[in-house]
Structures are given as structure tokens and as C-alpha cells.
Amino acid sequence: MRDVVFGEDKSQARTHSAPAVLAAVRDLIRSTLHLAGYVNTAAGRRAHTERHRVLALYGIT
């Protein structure tokens, strides 16, 4: 799921701690969408393509 939705195989980050940091960010996004009620991560990402919707998802207005 992570490879398809987040395109991990196409990532150019391969040095130092960048891959681990990006994986943690992806997990944060996936967890936030799950807590918001999205069962399908891809659908949740598509529903939050506008900046104000993303900020509202994280409680930032």
C-alpha cells in the first residue's frame, strides 16, 4: 500500500536518515487519515488536496 499510494520506490532520498524520516512522515499522514475516519488512504489523500482542508485535518485553522 505504501509503495502504490506514496510512491516509495520512486523516491530519490537514499542517504543518511532521509528514508527513515520520510517513512515516519508517511506513517503520520496515514495514521491521521485513519483517525479522521478514512479506511482507504488513497481516498483520504485525494480528499485533502487543498491546503485549508489539510490544515483543518490537523486542527490548524
Foldseek 3Di string as FASTA:
>chain_A
DCCVQVVPVPDPPDDDCVVVVVVVVVVVLQVLLVVVPDPDSNVSCVVPPDPVSVCVSVPHD
